[in-house]
PDB file of N, CA and C in Angstrom:
ATOM      1  N   MET A   1       0.841  -1.181   0.000  1.00  0.00           N
ATOM      2  CA  MET A   1       0.000   0.000   0.000  1.00  0.00           C
ATOM      3  C   MET A   1       0.885   1.243   0.000  1.00  0.00           C
ATOM      4  N   ARG A   2       0.638   2.146  -0.930  1.00  0.00           N
ATOM      5  CA  ARG A   2       1.451   3.346  -1.059  1.00  0.00           C
ATOM      6  C   ARG A   2       0.989   4.424  -0.100  1.00  0.00           C
ATOM      7  N   ASP A   3       1.950   5.172   0.412  1.00  0.00           N
ATOM      8  CA  ASP A   3       1.638   6.279   1.306  1.00  0.00           C
ATOM      9  C   ASP A   3       1.073   7.428   0.475  1.00  0.00           C
ATOM     10  N   SER A   4      -0.078   7.953   0.858  1.00  0.00           N
ATOM     11  CA  SER A   4      -0.712   9.018   0.091  1.00  0.00           C
ATOM     12  C   SER A   4      -0.376  10.400   0.636  1.00  0.00           C
ATOM     13  N   LYS A   5       0.662  10.483   1.459  1.00  0.00           N
ATOM     14  CA  LYS A   5       1.083  11.766   2.008  1.00  0.00           C
ATOM     15  C   LYS A   5       2.551  12.005   1.707  1.00  0.00           C
ATOM     16  N   LYS A   6       2.920  13.283   1.622  1.00  0.00           N
ATOM     17  CA  LYS A   6       4.318  13.631   1.427  1.00  0.00           C
ATOM     18  C   LYS A   6       4.569  15.032   1.949  1.00  0.00           C
ATOM     19  N   ILE A   7       5.840  15.345   2.195  1.00  0.00           N
ATOM     20  CA  ILE A   7       6.226  16.693   2.601  1.00  0.00           C
ATOM     21  C   ILE A   7       6.086  17.592   1.384  1.00  0.00           C
ATOM     22  N   PHE A   8       5.397  18.706   1.561  1.00  0.00           N
ATOM     23  CA  PHE A   8       5.158  19.667   0.488  1.00  0.00           C
ATOM     24  C   PHE A   8       6.267  20.710   0.498  1.00  0.00           C
ATOM     25  N   THR A   9       6.875  20.976  -0.644  1.00  0.00           N
ATOM     26  CA  THR A   9       7.879  22.030  -0.766  1.00  0.00           C
ATOM     27  C   THR A   9       7.459  22.990  -1.856  1.00  0.00           C
ATOM     28  N   SER A  10       7.804  24.260  -1.658  1.00  0.00           N
ATOM     29  CA  SER A  10       7.403  25.279  -2.627  1.00  0.00           C
ATOM     30  C   SER A  10       8.218  26.543  -2.385  1.00  0.00           C
ATOM     31  N   LEU A  11       7.818  27.626  -3.054  1.00  0.00           N
ATOM     32  CA  LEU A  11       8.418  28.943  -2.885  1.00  0.00           C
ATOM     33  C   LEU A  11       7.315  29.940  -2.564  1.00  0.00           C
ATOM     34  N   VAL A  12       7.661  30.952  -1.759  1.00  0.00           N
ATOM     35  CA  VAL A  12       6.729  32.027  -1.426  1.00  0.00           C
ATOM     36  C   VAL A  12       7.422  33.349  -1.761  1.00  0.00           C
ATOM     37  N   ARG A  13       6.663  34.274  -2.307  1.00  0.00           N
ATOM     38  CA  ARG A  13       7.224  35.582  -2.669  1.00  0.00           C
ATOM     39  C   ARG A  13       7.534  36.412  -1.428  1.00  0.00           C
ATOM     40  N   VAL A  14       8.630  37.206  -1.554  1.00  0.00           N
ATOM     41  CA  VAL A  14       9.076  38.070  -0.465  1.00  0.00           C
ATOM     42  C   VAL A  14       9.008  39.517  -0.941  1.00  0.00           C
ATOM     43  N   LYS A  15       8.465  40.391  -0.103  1.00  0.00           N
ATOM     44  CA  LYS A  15       8.344  41.808  -0.436  1.00  0.00           C
ATOM     45  C   LYS A  15       9.655  42.544  -0.187  1.00  0.00           C
ATOM     46  N   GLY A  16      10.032  43.395  -1.122  1.00  0.00           N
ATOM     47  CA  GLY A  16      11.060  44.396  -0.894  1.00  0.00           C
ATOM     48  C   GLY A  16      12.507  43.973  -0.836  1.00  0.00           C
ATOM     49  N   ILE A  17      12.892  42.844  -1.419  1.00  0.00           N
ATOM     50  CA  ILE A  17      14.304  42.463  -1.443  1.00  0.00           C
ATOM     51  C   ILE A  17      14.674  41.934  -2.817  1.00  0.00           C
ATOM     52  N   ASN A  18      15.980  41.788  -3.061  1.00  0.00           N
ATOM     53  CA  ASN A  18      16.445  41.279  -4.356  1.00  0.00           C
ATOM     54  C   ASN A  18      16.067  39.823  -4.570  1.00  0.00           C
ATOM     55  N   ALA A  19      16.177  39.012  -3.520  1.00  0.00           N
ATOM     56  CA  ALA A  19      15.744  37.615  -3.622  1.00  0.00           C
ATOM     57  C   ALA A  19      14.216  37.632  -3.585  1.00  0.00           C
ATOM     58  N   ASN A  20      13.575  37.364  -4.691  1.00  0.00           N
ATOM     59  CA  ASN A  20      12.130  37.522  -4.793  1.00  0.00           C
ATOM     60  C   ASN A  20      11.336  36.429  -4.104  1.00  0.00           C
ATOM     61  N   VAL A  21      11.972  35.298  -3.813  1.00  0.00           N
ATOM     62  CA  VAL A  21      11.255  34.173  -3.230  1.00  0.00           C
ATOM     63  C   VAL A  21      12.069  33.542  -2.101  1.00  0.00           C
ATOM     64  N   VAL A  22      11.366  32.809  -1.244  1.00  0.00           N
ATOM     65  CA  VAL A  22      12.010  32.059  -0.170  1.00  0.00           C
ATOM     66  C   VAL A  22      11.467  30.632  -0.220  1.00  0.00           C
ATOM     67  N   PRO A  23      12.334  29.629  -0.041  1.00  0.00           N
ATOM     68  CA  PRO A  23      11.845  28.250  -0.038  1.00  0.00           C
ATOM     69  C   PRO A  23      11.090  27.935   1.249  1.00  0.00           C
ATOM     70  N   VAL A  24      10.027  27.151   1.111  1.00  0.00           N
ATOM     71  CA  VAL A  24       9.207  26.741   2.256  1.00  0.00           C
ATOM     72  C   VAL A  24       8.882  25.263   2.135  1.00  0.00           C
ATOM     73  N   ARG A  25       8.428  24.681   3.262  1.00  0.00           N
ATOM     74  CA  ARG A  25       7.993  23.287   3.250  1.00  0.00           C
ATOM     75  C   ARG A  25       6.945  23.105   4.334  1.00  0.00           C
ATOM     76  N   SER A  26       6.239  21.993   4.252  1.00  0.00           N
ATOM     77  CA  SER A  26       5.264  21.680   5.294  1.00  0.00           C
ATOM     78  C   SER A  26       5.992  21.073   6.483  1.00  0.00           C
ATOM     79  N   ASN A  27       5.452  21.287   7.687  1.00  0.00           N
ATOM     80  CA  ASN A  27       6.088  20.734   8.881  1.00  0.00           C
ATOM     81  C   ASN A  27       5.698  19.277   9.112  1.00  0.00           C
ATOM     82  N   LYS A  28       4.665  18.799   8.403  1.00  0.00           N
ATOM     83  CA  LYS A  28       4.219  17.402   8.466  1.00  0.00           C
ATOM     84  C   LYS A  28       3.805  16.982   7.053  1.00  0.00           C
ATOM     85  N   PRO A  29       3.768  15.693   6.788  1.00  0.00           N
ATOM     86  CA  PRO A  29       3.286  15.243   5.473  1.00  0.00           C
ATOM     87  C   PRO A  29       1.832  15.676   5.254  1.00  0.00           C
ATOM     88  N   ILE A  30       1.517  15.939   3.992  1.00  0.00           N
ATOM     89  CA  ILE A  30       0.182  16.384   3.611  1.00  0.00           C
ATOM     90  C   ILE A  30      -0.330  15.480   2.488  1.00  0.00           C
ATOM     91  N   ASP A  31      -1.638  15.296   2.401  1.00  0.00           N
ATOM     92  CA  ASP A  31      -2.228  14.455   1.352  1.00  0.00           C
ATOM     93  C   ASP A  31      -1.792  14.914  -0.026  1.00  0.00           C
ATOM     94  N   LYS A  32      -1.409  13.984  -0.870  1.00  0.00           N
ATOM     95  CA  LYS A  32      -0.994  14.312  -2.232  1.00  0.00           C
ATOM     96  C   LYS A  32      -2.128  14.968  -3.015  1.00  0.00           C
ATOM     97  N   ASN A  33      -3.368  14.650  -2.676  1.00  0.00           N
ATOM     98  CA  ASN A  33      -4.518  15.244  -3.370  1.00  0.00           C
ATOM     99  C   ASN A  33      -4.611  16.749  -3.148  1.00  0.00           C
ATOM    100  N   LEU A  34      -3.970  17.274  -2.111  1.00  0.00           N
ATOM    101  CA  LEU A  34      -4.063  18.692  -1.767  1.00  0.00           C
ATOM    102  C   LEU A  34      -2.873  19.520  -2.238  1.00  0.00           C
ATOM    103  N   LEU A  35      -1.909  18.913  -2.898  1.00  0.00           N
ATOM    104  CA  LEU A  35      -0.685  19.634  -3.258  1.00  0.00           C
ATOM    105  C   LEU A  35      -0.949  20.809  -4.196  1.00  0.00           C
ATOM    106  N   ILE A  36      -1.790  20.635  -5.182  1.00  0.00           N
ATOM    107  CA  ILE A  36      -2.077  21.721  -6.124  1.00  0.00           C
ATOM    108  C   ILE A  36      -2.827  22.846  -5.417  1.00  0.00           C
ATOM    109  N   GLU A  37      -3.778  22.502  -4.559  1.00  0.00           N
ATOM    110  CA  GLU A  37      -4.514  23.526  -3.814  1.00  0.00           C
ATOM    111  C   GLU A  37      -3.584  24.282  -2.866  1.00  0.00           C
ATOM    112  N   CYS A  38      -2.618  23.594  -2.287  1.00  0.00           N
ATOM    113  CA  CYS A  38      -1.636  24.261  -1.425  1.00  0.00           C
ATOM    114  C   CYS A  38      -0.810  25.257  -2.233  1.00  0.00           C
ATOM    115  N   SER A  39      -0.403  24.856  -3.419  1.00  0.00           N
ATOM    116  CA  SER A  39       0.364  25.748  -4.296  1.00  0.00           C
ATOM    117  C   SER A  39      -0.444  26.988  -4.638  1.00  0.00           C
ATOM    118  N   LYS A  40      -1.719  26.806  -4.940  1.00  0.00           N
ATOM    119  CA  LYS A  40      -2.581  27.946  -5.258  1.00  0.00           C
ATOM    120  C   LYS A  40      -2.707  28.886  -4.070  1.00  0.00           C
ATOM    121  N   ALA A  41      -2.876  28.333  -2.870  1.00  0.00           N
ATOM    122  CA  ALA A  41      -3.005  29.163  -1.669  1.00  0.00           C
ATOM    123  C   ALA A  41      -1.719  29.951  -1.414  1.00  0.00           C
ATOM    124  N   LEU A  42      -0.567  29.307  -1.572  1.00  0.00           N
ATOM    125  CA  LEU A  42       0.709  29.988  -1.327  1.00  0.00           C
ATOM    126  C   LEU A  42       1.020  31.023  -2.390  1.00  0.00           C
ATOM    127  N   SER A  43       0.465  30.888  -3.583  1.00  0.00           N
ATOM    128  CA  SER A  43       0.725  31.862  -4.646  1.00  0.00           C
ATOM    129  C   SER A  43       0.138  33.229  -4.305  1.00  0.00           C
ATOM    130  N   ARG A  44      -0.807  33.269  -3.379  1.00  0.00           N
ATOM    131  CA  ARG A  44      -1.430  34.533  -2.979  1.00  0.00           C
ATOM    132  C   ARG A  44      -0.756  35.178  -1.765  1.00  0.00           C
ATOM    133  N   ILE A  45       0.300  34.554  -1.253  1.00  0.00           N
ATOM    134  CA  ILE A  45       0.969  35.048  -0.051  1.00  0.00           C
ATOM    135  C   ILE A  45       2.251  35.788  -0.420  1.00  0.00           C
ATOM    136  N   HIS A  46       2.459  36.949   0.210  1.00  0.00           N
ATOM    137  CA  HIS A  46       3.708  37.700   0.134  1.00  0.00           C
ATOM    138  C   HIS A  46       4.161  37.918   1.567  1.00  0.00           C
ATOM    139  N   VAL A  47       5.410  37.602   1.874  1.00  0.00           N
ATOM    140  CA  VAL A  47       5.917  37.761   3.239  1.00  0.00           C
ATOM    141  C   VAL A  47       6.961  38.861   3.288  1.00  0.00           C
ATOM    142  N   GLY A  48       7.140  39.425   4.460  1.00  0.00           N
ATOM    143  CA  GLY A  48       8.162  40.446   4.669  1.00  0.00           C
ATOM    144  C   GLY A  48       9.370  39.872   5.367  1.00  0.00           C
ATOM    145  N   THR A  49      10.437  40.630   5.396  1.00  0.00           N
ATOM    146  CA  THR A  49      11.668  40.217   6.055  1.00  0.00           C
ATOM    147  C   THR A  49      11.712  40.849   7.436  1.00  0.00           C
ATOM    148  N   PRO A  50      12.535  40.360   8.346  1.00  0.00           N
ATOM    149  CA  PRO A  50      13.455  39.225   8.243  1.00  0.00           C
ATOM    150  C   PRO A  50      12.721  37.899   8.435  1.00  0.00           C
ATOM    151  N   LEU A  51      13.296  36.851   7.859  1.00  0.00           N
ATOM    152  CA  LEU A  51      12.765  35.489   7.985  1.00  0.00           C
ATOM    153  C   LEU A  51      13.867  34.583   8.505  1.00  0.00           C
ATOM    154  N   LYS A  52      13.497  33.683   9.408  1.00  0.00           N
ATOM    155  CA  LYS A  52      14.451  32.705   9.924  1.00  0.00           C
ATOM    156  C   LYS A  52      13.937  31.301   9.630  1.00  0.00           C
ATOM    157  N   ILE A  53      14.848  30.366   9.536  1.00  0.00           N
ATOM    158  CA  ILE A  53      14.464  28.973   9.329  1.00  0.00           C
ATOM    159  C   ILE A  53      13.510  28.556  10.443  1.00  0.00           C
ATOM    160  N   GLY A  54      12.399  27.986  10.067  1.00  0.00           N
ATOM    161  CA  GLY A  54      11.410  27.540  11.037  1.00  0.00           C
ATOM    162  C   GLY A  54      10.273  28.518  11.269  1.00  0.00           C
ATOM    163  N   ASP A  55      10.399  29.760  10.773  1.00  0.00           N
ATOM    164  CA  ASP A  55       9.299  30.718  10.906  1.00  0.00           C
ATOM    165  C   ASP A  55       8.067  30.185  10.179  1.00  0.00           C
ATOM    166  N   ILE A  56       6.914  30.353  10.791  1.00  0.00           N
ATOM    167  CA  ILE A  56       5.673  29.879  10.170  1.00  0.00           C
ATOM    168  C   ILE A  56       5.193  30.905   9.157  1.00  0.00           C
ATOM    169  N   ILE A  57       5.040  30.463   7.929  1.00  0.00           N
ATOM    170  CA  ILE A  57       4.573  31.309   6.836  1.00  0.00           C
ATOM    171  C   ILE A  57       3.048  31.247   6.743  1.00  0.00           C
ATOM    172  N   CYS A  58       2.499  30.063   6.925  1.00  0.00           N
ATOM    173  CA  CYS A  58       1.051  29.860   6.842  1.00  0.00           C
ATOM    174  C   CYS A  58       0.654  28.793   7.864  1.00  0.00           C
ATOM    175  N   ARG A  59      -0.219  29.159   8.775  1.00  0.00           N
ATOM    176  CA  ARG A  59      -0.700  28.200   9.781  1.00  0.00           C
ATOM    177  C   ARG A  59      -1.894  27.433   9.239  1.00  0.00           C
ATOM    178  N   ASN A  60      -1.932  26.143   9.508  1.00  0.00           N
ATOM    179  CA  ASN A  60      -3.102  25.313   9.219  1.00  0.00           C
ATOM    180  C   ASN A  60      -3.594  25.468   7.777  1.00  0.00           C
ATOM    181  N   ILE A  61      -2.700  25.274   6.834  1.00  0.00           N
ATOM    182  CA  ILE A  61      -3.054  25.470   5.428  1.00  0.00           C
ATOM    183  C   ILE A  61      -4.203  24.536   5.033  1.00  0.00           C
ATOM    184  N   LEU A  62      -5.191  25.085   4.405  1.00  0.00           N
ATOM    185  CA  LEU A  62      -6.384  24.364   3.934  1.00  0.00           C
ATOM    186  C   LEU A  62      -7.055  23.555   5.041  1.00  0.00           C
ATOM    187  N   ASN A  63      -6.964  24.033   6.268  1.00  0.00           N
ATOM    188  CA  ASN A  63      -7.571  23.360   7.426  1.00  0.00           C
ATOM    189  C   ASN A  63      -7.102  21.911   7.588  1.00  0.00           C
ATOM    190  N   THR A  64      -5.815  21.685   7.303  1.00  0.00           N
ATOM    191  CA  THR A  64      -5.245  20.336   7.408  1.00  0.00           C
ATOM    192  C   THR A  64      -4.516  20.113   8.728  1.00  0.00           C
ATOM    193  N   GLY A  65      -4.269  21.177   9.483  1.00  0.00           N
ATOM    194  CA  GLY A  65      -3.469  21.062  10.688  1.00  0.00           C
ATOM    195  C   GLY A  65      -1.984  21.112  10.407  1.00  0.00           C
ATOM    196  N   VAL A  66      -1.614  21.373   9.154  1.00  0.00           N
ATOM    197  CA  VAL A  66      -0.219  21.418   8.729  1.00  0.00           C
ATOM    198  C   VAL A  66       0.192  22.879   8.554  1.00  0.00           C
ATOM    199  N   ASP A  67       1.371  23.237   9.085  1.00  0.00           N
ATOM    200  CA  ASP A  67       1.905  24.582   8.923  1.00  0.00           C
ATOM    201  C   ASP A  67       2.949  24.580   7.816  1.00  0.00           C
ATOM    202  N   ILE A  68       3.055  25.715   7.117  1.00  0.00           N
ATOM    203  CA  ILE A  68       4.096  25.906   6.114  1.00  0.00           C
ATOM    204  C   ILE A  68       5.178  26.744   6.766  1.00  0.00           C
ATOM    205  N   ILE A  69       6.432  26.251   6.741  1.00  0.00           N
ATOM    206  CA  ILE A  69       7.525  26.920   7.429  1.00  0.00           C
ATOM    207  C   ILE A  69       8.632  27.322   6.448  1.00  0.00           C
ATOM    208  N   CYS A  70       9.353  28.348   6.830  1.00  0.00           N
ATOM    209  CA  CYS A  70      10.482  28.873   6.039  1.00  0.00           C
ATOM    210  C   CYS A  70      11.684  27.928   6.184  1.00  0.00           C
ATOM    211  N   THR A  71      12.437  27.750   5.099  1.00  0.00           N
ATOM    212  CA  THR A  71      13.612  26.872   5.156  1.00  0.00           C
ATOM    213  C   THR A  71      14.917  27.601   4.836  1.00  0.00           C
ATOM    214  N   LYS A  72      14.887  28.956   4.843  1.00  0.00           N
ATOM    215  CA  LYS A  72      16.101  29.721   4.573  1.00  0.00           C
ATOM    216  C   LYS A  72      16.046  31.021   5.360  1.00  0.00           C
ATOM    217  N   ASN A  73      17.192  31.432   5.895  1.00  0.00           N
ATOM    218  CA  ASN A  73      17.285  32.726   6.579  1.00  0.00           C
ATOM    219  C   ASN A  73      17.383  33.841   5.555  1.00  0.00           C
ATOM    220  N   ILE A  74      16.562  34.874   5.719  1.00  0.00           N
ATOM    221  CA  ILE A  74      16.661  36.089   4.893  1.00  0.00           C
ATOM    222  C   ILE A  74      16.593  37.254   5.861  1.00  0.00           C
ATOM    223  N   LEU A  75      17.720  37.958   5.995  1.00  0.00           N
ATOM    224  CA  LEU A  75      17.796  39.028   6.971  1.00  0.00           C
ATOM    225  C   LEU A  75      17.225  40.323   6.441  1.00  0.00           C
ATOM    226  N   LYS A  76      17.484  40.647   5.179  1.00  0.00           N
ATOM    227  CA  LYS A  76      16.954  41.874   4.611  1.00  0.00           C
ATOM    228  C   LYS A  76      16.817  41.781   3.125  1.00  0.00           C
TER     229      LYS A  76
END
């Protein structure tokens, strides 16, 4: 039986810096059926700096209980 969940990885836009995006991932595996909807939800998000690894970008995405967290430090 195949696992129907996986860690979601993506990029989120950042306001006001040269690096236009920051890499993010889910803190827990998420249903594969929701990956496209997660991408659509994150496409509407713009975050500000500073960002640290582990900062929560989106809490409880799509009411799944899964948080989207930052995976790179961006100071300015």
